[in-house]
Amino acid sequence: MQQDLAIEIYQHAVDPTMGEEQGAQWWADVSTELDAVIAAQDIATAARVIAWWHDDWRMVGQNPKRVAGRIRRHAARVLTA
């Protein structure tokens, strides 16, 4: 996935404050995981890919399944446009 698409999906689904300043390698790593979330057989599998992203999902009122669902929904819109 191209970096600009990874940034758009991540900003929309996870954290709108993250951008190019994270660096190319950081975004390459995130892109690999976004691809895995998008390609996952189901939400539970997708959630396992990103479960480690934040140890404090509950503190921010989120969990990996919700975020994985948002990633997959937004990616479907972005990647098919």
PDB file of N, CA and C in Angstrom:
ATOM      1  N   MET A   1       0.851  -1.167   0.000  1.00  0.00           N
ATOM      2  CA  MET A   1       0.000   0.000   0.000  1.00  0.00           C
ATOM      3  C   MET A   1       0.902   1.237   0.000  1.00  0.00           C
ATOM      4  N   GLN A   2       0.530   2.230  -0.774  1.00  0.00           N
ATOM      5  CA  GLN A   2       1.290   3.466  -0.829  1.00  0.00           C
ATOM      6  C   GLN A   2       1.174   4.216   0.496  1.00  0.00           C
ATOM      7  N   GLN A   3       2.230   4.955   0.831  1.00  0.00           N
ATOM      8  CA  GLN A   3       2.272   5.666   2.104  1.00  0.00           C
ATOM      9  C   GLN A   3       1.101   6.622   2.266  1.00  0.00           C
ATOM     10  N   ASP A   4       0.721   7.340   1.215  1.00  0.00           N
ATOM     11  CA  ASP A   4      -0.381   8.298   1.349  1.00  0.00           C
ATOM     12  C   ASP A   4      -1.691   7.604   1.692  1.00  0.00           C
ATOM     13  N   LEU A   5      -1.917   6.413   1.145  1.00  0.00           N
ATOM     14  CA  LEU A   5      -3.126   5.667   1.486  1.00  0.00           C
ATOM     15  C   LEU A   5      -3.059   5.138   2.916  1.00  0.00           C
ATOM     16  N   ALA A   6      -1.895   4.658   3.318  1.00  0.00           N
ATOM     17  CA  ALA A   6      -1.734   4.183   4.691  1.00  0.00           C
ATOM     18  C   ALA A   6      -2.003   5.316   5.675  1.00  0.00           C
ATOM     19  N   ILE A   7      -1.468   6.495   5.388  1.00  0.00           N
ATOM     20  CA  ILE A   7      -1.686   7.642   6.271  1.00  0.00           C
ATOM     21  C   ILE A   7      -3.166   7.981   6.344  1.00  0.00           C
ATOM     22  N   GLU A   8      -3.825   8.026   5.194  1.00  0.00           N
ATOM     23  CA  GLU A   8      -5.250   8.374   5.179  1.00  0.00           C
ATOM     24  C   GLU A   8      -6.077   7.382   5.993  1.00  0.00           C
ATOM     25  N   ILE A   9      -5.838   6.106   5.775  1.00  0.00           N
ATOM     26  CA  ILE A   9      -6.604   5.080   6.486  1.00  0.00           C
ATOM     27  C   ILE A   9      -6.315   5.147   7.982  1.00  0.00           C
ATOM     28  N   TYR A  10      -5.047   5.257   8.351  1.00  0.00           N
ATOM     29  CA  TYR A  10      -4.677   5.294   9.762  1.00  0.00           C
ATOM     30  C   TYR A  10      -5.249   6.528  10.441  1.00  0.00           C
ATOM     31  N   GLN A  11      -5.128   7.676   9.793  1.00  0.00           N
ATOM     32  CA  GLN A  11      -5.665   8.903  10.382  1.00  0.00           C
ATOM     33  C   GLN A  11      -7.167   8.801  10.587  1.00  0.00           C
ATOM     34  N   HIS A  12      -7.866   8.260   9.630  1.00  0.00           N
ATOM     35  CA  HIS A  12      -9.322   8.165   9.724  1.00  0.00           C
ATOM     36  C   HIS A  12      -9.754   7.132  10.771  1.00  0.00           C
ATOM     37  N   ALA A  13      -9.073   5.997  10.814  1.00  0.00           N
ATOM     38  CA  ALA A  13      -9.531   4.884  11.638  1.00  0.00           C
ATOM     39  C   ALA A  13      -8.883   4.809  13.021  1.00  0.00           C
ATOM     40  N   VAL A  14      -7.684   5.403  13.166  1.00  0.00           N
ATOM     41  CA  VAL A  14      -6.954   5.197  14.409  1.00  0.00           C
ATOM     42  C   VAL A  14      -6.615   6.513  15.105  1.00  0.00           C
ATOM     43  N   ASP A  15      -5.815   7.354  14.455  1.00  0.00           N
ATOM     44  CA  ASP A  15      -5.307   8.552  15.117  1.00  0.00           C
ATOM     45  C   ASP A  15      -5.087   9.666  14.108  1.00  0.00           C
ATOM     46  N   PRO A  16      -5.938  10.671  14.119  1.00  0.00           N
ATOM     47  CA  PRO A  16      -5.835  11.748  13.125  1.00  0.00           C
ATOM     48  C   PRO A  16      -4.602  12.636  13.296  1.00  0.00           C
ATOM     49  N   THR A  17      -3.872  12.479  14.386  1.00  0.00           N
ATOM     50  CA  THR A  17      -2.704  13.344  14.604  1.00  0.00           C
ATOM     51  C   THR A  17      -1.427  12.790  13.981  1.00  0.00           C
ATOM     52  N   MET A  18      -1.459  11.573  13.499  1.00  0.00           N
ATOM     53  CA  MET A  18      -0.259  10.960  12.931  1.00  0.00           C
ATOM     54  C   MET A  18      -0.138  11.335  11.463  1.00  0.00           C
ATOM     55  N   GLY A  19       1.081  11.657  11.039  1.00  0.00           N
ATOM     56  CA  GLY A  19       1.285  12.063   9.656  1.00  0.00           C
ATOM     57  C   GLY A  19       2.668  11.695   9.160  1.00  0.00           C
ATOM     58  N   GLU A  20       3.067  12.327   8.077  1.00  0.00           N
ATOM     59  CA  GLU A  20       4.343  12.020   7.428  1.00  0.00           C
ATOM     60  C   GLU A  20       5.538  12.165   8.360  1.00  0.00           C
ATOM     61  N   GLU A  21       5.400  13.005   9.386  1.00  0.00           N
ATOM     62  CA  GLU A  21       6.515  13.215  10.310  1.00  0.00           C
ATOM     63  C   GLU A  21       6.930  11.938  11.044  1.00  0.00           C
ATOM     64  N   GLN A  22       6.101  10.906  11.001  1.00  0.00           N
ATOM     65  CA  GLN A  22       6.454   9.625  11.625  1.00  0.00           C
ATOM     66  C   GLN A  22       7.592   8.953  10.879  1.00  0.00           C
ATOM     67  N   GLY A  23       7.788   9.311   9.642  1.00  0.00           N
ATOM     68  CA  GLY A  23       8.887   8.745   8.867  1.00  0.00           C
ATOM     69  C   GLY A  23       8.464   7.597   7.972  1.00  0.00           C
ATOM     70  N   ALA A  24       9.232   7.422   6.920  1.00  0.00           N
ATOM     71  CA  ALA A  24       8.909   6.420   5.905  1.00  0.00           C
ATOM     72  C   ALA A  24       8.926   5.002   6.453  1.00  0.00           C
ATOM     73  N   GLN A  25       9.909   4.666   7.293  1.00  0.00           N
ATOM     74  CA  GLN A  25       9.980   3.298   7.816  1.00  0.00           C
ATOM     75  C   GLN A  25       8.806   3.000   8.742  1.00  0.00           C
ATOM     76  N   TRP A  26       8.420   3.961   9.569  1.00  0.00           N
ATOM     77  CA  TRP A  26       7.271   3.768  10.456  1.00  0.00           C
ATOM     78  C   TRP A  26       6.034   3.496   9.622  1.00  0.00           C
ATOM     79  N   TRP A  27       5.827   4.290   8.582  1.00  0.00           N
ATOM     80  CA  TRP A  27       4.652   4.099   7.738  1.00  0.00           C
ATOM     81  C   TRP A  27       4.721   2.807   6.935  1.00  0.00           C
ATOM     82  N   ALA A  28       5.926   2.390   6.545  1.00  0.00           N
ATOM     83  CA  ALA A  28       6.056   1.102   5.848  1.00  0.00           C
ATOM     84  C   ALA A  28       5.625  -0.034   6.771  1.00  0.00           C
ATOM     85  N   ASP A  29       6.033   0.042   8.040  1.00  0.00           N
ATOM     86  CA  ASP A  29       5.633  -0.982   9.009  1.00  0.00           C
ATOM     87  C   ASP A  29       4.119  -0.960   9.246  1.00  0.00           C
ATOM     88  N   VAL A  30       3.561   0.240   9.406  1.00  0.00           N
ATOM     89  CA  VAL A  30       2.111   0.375   9.601  1.00  0.00           C
ATOM     90  C   VAL A  30       1.373  -0.141   8.367  1.00  0.00           C
ATOM     91  N   SER A  31       1.870   0.185   7.204  1.00  0.00           N
ATOM     92  CA  SER A  31       1.230  -0.256   5.957  1.00  0.00           C
ATOM     93  C   SER A  31       1.164  -1.779   5.879  1.00  0.00           C
ATOM     94  N   THR A  32       2.239  -2.433   6.280  1.00  0.00           N
ATOM     95  CA  THR A  32       2.252  -3.900   6.285  1.00  0.00           C
ATOM     96  C   THR A  32       1.150  -4.443   7.190  1.00  0.00           C
ATOM     97  N   GLU A  33       0.989  -3.819   8.348  1.00  0.00           N
ATOM     98  CA  GLU A  33      -0.042  -4.279   9.263  1.00  0.00           C
ATOM     99  C   GLU A  33      -1.442  -3.905   8.784  1.00  0.00           C
ATOM    100  N   LEU A  34      -1.583  -2.745   8.175  1.00  0.00           N
ATOM    101  CA  LEU A  34      -2.886  -2.389   7.592  1.00  0.00           C
ATOM    102  C   LEU A  34      -3.272  -3.403   6.520  1.00  0.00           C
ATOM    103  N   ASP A  35      -2.310  -3.772   5.672  1.00  0.00           N
ATOM    104  CA  ASP A  35      -2.585  -4.782   4.647  1.00  0.00           C
ATOM    105  C   ASP A  35      -3.068  -6.086   5.284  1.00  0.00           C
ATOM    106  N   ALA A  36      -2.432  -6.469   6.397  1.00  0.00           N
ATOM    107  CA  ALA A  36      -2.830  -7.710   7.076  1.00  0.00           C
ATOM    108  C   ALA A  36      -4.226  -7.585   7.674  1.00  0.00           C
ATOM    109  N   VAL A  37      -4.537  -6.426   8.240  1.00  0.00           N
ATOM    110  CA  VAL A  37      -5.880  -6.197   8.801  1.00  0.00           C
ATOM    111  C   VAL A  37      -6.928  -6.275   7.693  1.00  0.00           C
ATOM    112  N   ILE A  38      -6.653  -5.631   6.570  1.00  0.00           N
ATOM    113  CA  ILE A  38      -7.590  -5.605   5.447  1.00  0.00           C
ATOM    114  C   ILE A  38      -7.796  -7.004   4.871  1.00  0.00           C
ATOM    115  N   ALA A  39      -6.718  -7.779   4.785  1.00  0.00           N
ATOM    116  CA  ALA A  39      -6.786  -9.108   4.177  1.00  0.00           C
ATOM    117  C   ALA A  39      -7.261 -10.195   5.137  1.00  0.00           C
ATOM    118  N   ALA A  40      -7.375  -9.874   6.411  1.00  0.00           N
ATOM    119  CA  ALA A  40      -7.741 -10.887   7.405  1.00  0.00           C
ATOM    120  C   ALA A  40      -9.089 -11.527   7.087  1.00  0.00           C
ATOM    121  N   GLN A  41      -9.193 -12.771   7.447  1.00  0.00           N
ATOM    122  CA  GLN A  41     -10.395 -13.555   7.175  1.00  0.00           C
ATOM    123  C   GLN A  41     -11.613 -13.009   7.912  1.00  0.00           C
ATOM    124  N   ASP A  42     -11.398 -12.460   9.102  1.00  0.00           N
ATOM    125  CA  ASP A  42     -12.508 -11.946   9.888  1.00  0.00           C
ATOM    126  C   ASP A  42     -11.993 -10.875  10.849  1.00  0.00           C
ATOM    127  N   ILE A  43     -12.912 -10.225  11.546  1.00  0.00           N
ATOM    128  CA  ILE A  43     -12.546  -9.133  12.456  1.00  0.00           C
ATOM    129  C   ILE A  43     -11.663  -9.633  13.601  1.00  0.00           C
ATOM    130  N   ALA A  44     -11.938 -10.802  14.129  1.00  0.00           N
ATOM    131  CA  ALA A  44     -11.131 -11.320  15.238  1.00  0.00           C
ATOM    132  C   ALA A  44      -9.675 -11.493  14.807  1.00  0.00           C
ATOM    133  N   THR A  45      -9.461 -12.013  13.615  1.00  0.00           N
ATOM    134  CA  THR A  45      -8.105 -12.177  13.102  1.00  0.00           C
ATOM    135  C   THR A  45      -7.468 -10.817  12.853  1.00  0.00           C
ATOM    136  N   ALA A  46      -8.232  -9.903  12.287  1.00  0.00           N
ATOM    137  CA  ALA A  46      -7.735  -8.549  12.039  1.00  0.00           C
ATOM    138  C   ALA A  46      -7.351  -7.869  13.347  1.00  0.00           C
ATOM    139  N   ALA A  47      -8.156  -8.049  14.373  1.00  0.00           N
ATOM    140  CA  ALA A  47      -7.886  -7.430  15.670  1.00  0.00           C
ATOM    141  C   ALA A  47      -6.598  -7.956  16.285  1.00  0.00           C
ATOM    142  N   ARG A  48      -6.314  -9.233  16.087  1.00  0.00           N
ATOM    143  CA  ARG A  48      -5.073  -9.804  16.639  1.00  0.00           C
ATOM    144  C   ARG A  48      -3.841  -9.154  16.012  1.00  0.00           C
ATOM    145  N   VAL A  49      -3.944  -8.733  14.757  1.00  0.00           N
ATOM    146  CA  VAL A  49      -2.814  -8.082  14.081  1.00  0.00           C
ATOM    147  C   VAL A  49      -2.432  -6.791  14.798  1.00  0.00           C
ATOM    148  N   ILE A  50      -3.426  -6.036  15.242  1.00  0.00           N
ATOM    149  CA  ILE A  50      -3.159  -4.714  15.815  1.00  0.00           C
ATOM    150  C   ILE A  50      -3.334  -4.644  17.322  1.00  0.00           C
ATOM    151  N   ALA A  51      -3.556  -5.762  17.958  1.00  0.00           N
ATOM    152  CA  ALA A  51      -3.797  -5.755  19.405  1.00  0.00           C
ATOM    153  C   ALA A  51      -2.642  -5.128  20.164  1.00  0.00           C
ATOM    154  N   TRP A  52      -1.449  -5.265  19.683  1.00  0.00           N
ATOM    155  CA  TRP A  52      -0.274  -4.742  20.387  1.00  0.00           C
ATOM    156  C   TRP A  52      -0.093  -3.239  20.202  1.00  0.00           C
ATOM    157  N   TRP A  53      -0.778  -2.612  19.240  1.00  0.00           N
ATOM    158  CA  TRP A  53      -0.554  -1.188  18.938  1.00  0.00           C
ATOM    159  C   TRP A  53      -0.665  -0.310  20.163  1.00  0.00           C
ATOM    160  N   HIS A  54      -1.632  -0.575  20.990  1.00  0.00           N
ATOM    161  CA  HIS A  54      -1.844   0.253  22.176  1.00  0.00           C
ATOM    162  C   HIS A  54      -2.145  -0.650  23.361  1.00  0.00           C
ATOM    163  N   ASP A  55      -1.339  -0.518  24.379  1.00  0.00           N
ATOM    164  CA  ASP A  55      -1.605  -1.287  25.586  1.00  0.00           C
ATOM    165  C   ASP A  55      -2.785  -0.713  26.352  1.00  0.00           C
ATOM    166  N   ASP A  56      -3.168   0.493  26.003  1.00  0.00           N
ATOM    167  CA  ASP A  56      -4.214   1.183  26.759  1.00  0.00           C
ATOM    168  C   ASP A  56      -5.483   1.403  25.931  1.00  0.00           C
ATOM    169  N   TRP A  57      -5.852   0.452  25.089  1.00  0.00           N
ATOM    170  CA  TRP A  57      -7.071   0.578  24.296  1.00  0.00           C
ATOM    171  C   TRP A  57      -8.260   0.927  25.177  1.00  0.00           C
ATOM    172  N   ARG A  58      -8.394   0.222  26.307  1.00  0.00           N
ATOM    173  CA  ARG A  58      -9.547   0.440  27.185  1.00  0.00           C
ATOM    174  C   ARG A  58      -9.572   1.846  27.768  1.00  0.00           C
ATOM    175  N   MET A  59      -8.400   2.420  28.028  1.00  0.00           N
ATOM    176  CA  MET A  59      -8.332   3.765  28.602  1.00  0.00           C
ATOM    177  C   MET A  59      -8.883   4.821  27.656  1.00  0.00           C
ATOM    178  N   VAL A  60      -8.809   4.554  26.365  1.00  0.00           N
ATOM    179  CA  VAL A  60      -9.325   5.515  25.390  1.00  0.00           C
ATOM    180  C   VAL A  60     -10.667   5.068  24.824  1.00  0.00           C
ATOM    181  N   GLY A  61     -11.283   4.083  25.468  1.00  0.00           N
ATOM    182  CA  GLY A  61     -12.608   3.641  25.059  1.00  0.00           C
ATOM    183  C   GLY A  61     -12.625   2.876  23.749  1.00  0.00           C
ATOM    184  N   GLN A  62     -11.520   2.250  23.421  1.00  0.00           N
ATOM    185  CA  GLN A  62     -11.438   1.500  22.174  1.00  0.00           C
ATOM    186  C   GLN A  62     -10.954   0.085  22.454  1.00  0.00           C
ATOM    187  N   ASN A  63     -11.043  -0.719  21.436  1.00  0.00           N
ATOM    188  CA  ASN A  63     -10.450  -2.042  21.499  1.00  0.00           C
ATOM    189  C   ASN A  63     -10.033  -2.431  20.092  1.00  0.00           C
ATOM    190  N   PRO A  64      -9.164  -3.409  19.951  1.00  0.00           N
ATOM    191  CA  PRO A  64      -8.656  -3.766  18.628  1.00  0.00           C
ATOM    192  C   PRO A  64      -9.739  -4.144  17.621  1.00  0.00           C
ATOM    193  N   LYS A  65     -10.821  -4.780  18.078  1.00  0.00           N
ATOM    194  CA  LYS A  65     -11.884  -5.161  17.136  1.00  0.00           C
ATOM    195  C   LYS A  65     -12.564  -3.934  16.556  1.00  0.00           C
ATOM    196  N   ARG A  66     -12.854  -2.941  17.389  1.00  0.00           N
ATOM    197  CA  ARG A  66     -13.490  -1.720  16.868  1.00  0.00           C
ATOM    198  C   ARG A  66     -12.576  -1.023  15.865  1.00  0.00           C
ATOM    199  N   VAL A  67     -11.304  -0.903  16.222  1.00  0.00           N
ATOM    200  CA  VAL A  67     -10.359  -0.218  15.333  1.00  0.00           C
ATOM    201  C   VAL A  67     -10.165  -1.017  14.049  1.00  0.00           C
ATOM    202  N   ALA A  68     -10.051  -2.327  14.154  1.00  0.00           N
ATOM    203  CA  ALA A  68      -9.906  -3.163  12.956  1.00  0.00           C
ATOM    204  C   ALA A  68     -11.120  -2.996  12.042  1.00  0.00           C
ATOM    205  N   GLY A  69     -12.297  -2.919  12.623  1.00  0.00           N
ATOM    206  CA  GLY A  69     -13.505  -2.704  11.818  1.00  0.00           C
ATOM    207  C   GLY A  69     -13.460  -1.366  11.099  1.00  0.00           C
ATOM    208  N   ARG A  70     -13.027  -0.321  11.801  1.00  0.00           N
ATOM    209  CA  ARG A  70     -12.922   0.998  11.163  1.00  0.00           C
ATOM    210  C   ARG A  70     -11.884   0.981  10.049  1.00  0.00           C
ATOM    211  N   ILE A  71     -10.755   0.332  10.294  1.00  0.00           N
ATOM    212  CA  ILE A  71      -9.725   0.237   9.255  1.00  0.00           C
ATOM    213  C   ILE A  71     -10.299  -0.447   8.024  1.00  0.00           C
ATOM    214  N   ARG A  72     -10.955  -1.561   8.218  1.00  0.00           N
ATOM    215  CA  ARG A  72     -11.480  -2.327   7.083  1.00  0.00           C
ATOM    216  C   ARG A  72     -12.560  -1.554   6.329  1.00  0.00           C
ATOM    217  N   ARG A  73     -13.429  -0.870   7.054  1.00  0.00           N
ATOM    218  CA  ARG A  73     -14.486  -0.097   6.388  1.00  0.00           C
ATOM    219  C   ARG A  73     -13.905   1.069   5.599  1.00  0.00           C
ATOM    220  N   HIS A  74     -13.008   1.808   6.225  1.00  0.00           N
ATOM    221  CA  HIS A  74     -12.433   2.954   5.518  1.00  0.00           C
ATOM    222  C   HIS A  74     -11.557   2.501   4.354  1.00  0.00           C
ATOM    223  N   ALA A  75     -10.802   1.464   4.538  1.00  0.00           N
ATOM    224  CA  ALA A  75      -9.966   0.949   3.450  1.00  0.00           C
ATOM    225  C   ALA A  75     -10.823   0.504   2.274  1.00  0.00           C
ATOM    226  N   ALA A  76     -11.959  -0.097   2.551  1.00  0.00           N
ATOM    227  CA  ALA A  76     -12.854  -0.511   1.453  1.00  0.00           C
ATOM    228  C   ALA A  76     -13.300   0.695   0.633  1.00  0.00           C
ATOM    229  N   ARG A  77     -13.579   1.807   1.309  1.00  0.00           N
ATOM    230  CA  ARG A  77     -13.977   3.015   0.580  1.00  0.00           C
ATOM    231  C   ARG A  77     -12.809   3.628  -0.192  1.00  0.00           C
ATOM    232  N   VAL A  78     -11.664   3.714   0.449  1.00  0.00           N
ATOM    233  CA  VAL A  78     -10.496   4.375  -0.138  1.00  0.00           C
ATOM    234  C   VAL A  78      -9.907   3.555  -1.273  1.00  0.00           C
ATOM    235  N   LEU A  79      -9.768   2.274  -1.066  1.00  0.00           N
ATOM    236  CA  LEU A  79      -9.086   1.426  -2.044  1.00  0.00           C
ATOM    237  C   LEU A  79      -9.943   1.082  -3.252  1.00  0.00           C
ATOM    238  N   THR A  80     -11.242   1.268  -3.157  1.00  0.00           N
ATOM    239  CA  THR A  80     -12.098   0.990  -4.304  1.00  0.00           C
ATOM    240  C   THR A  80     -12.514   2.257  -5.035  1.00  0.00           C
ATOM    241  N   ALA A  81     -12.097   3.406  -4.509  1.00  0.00           N
ATOM    242  CA  ALA A  81     -12.477   4.685  -5.142  1.00  0.00           C
ATOM    243  C   ALA A  81     -11.647   4.968  -6.379  1.00  0.00           C
TER     244      ALA A  81
END
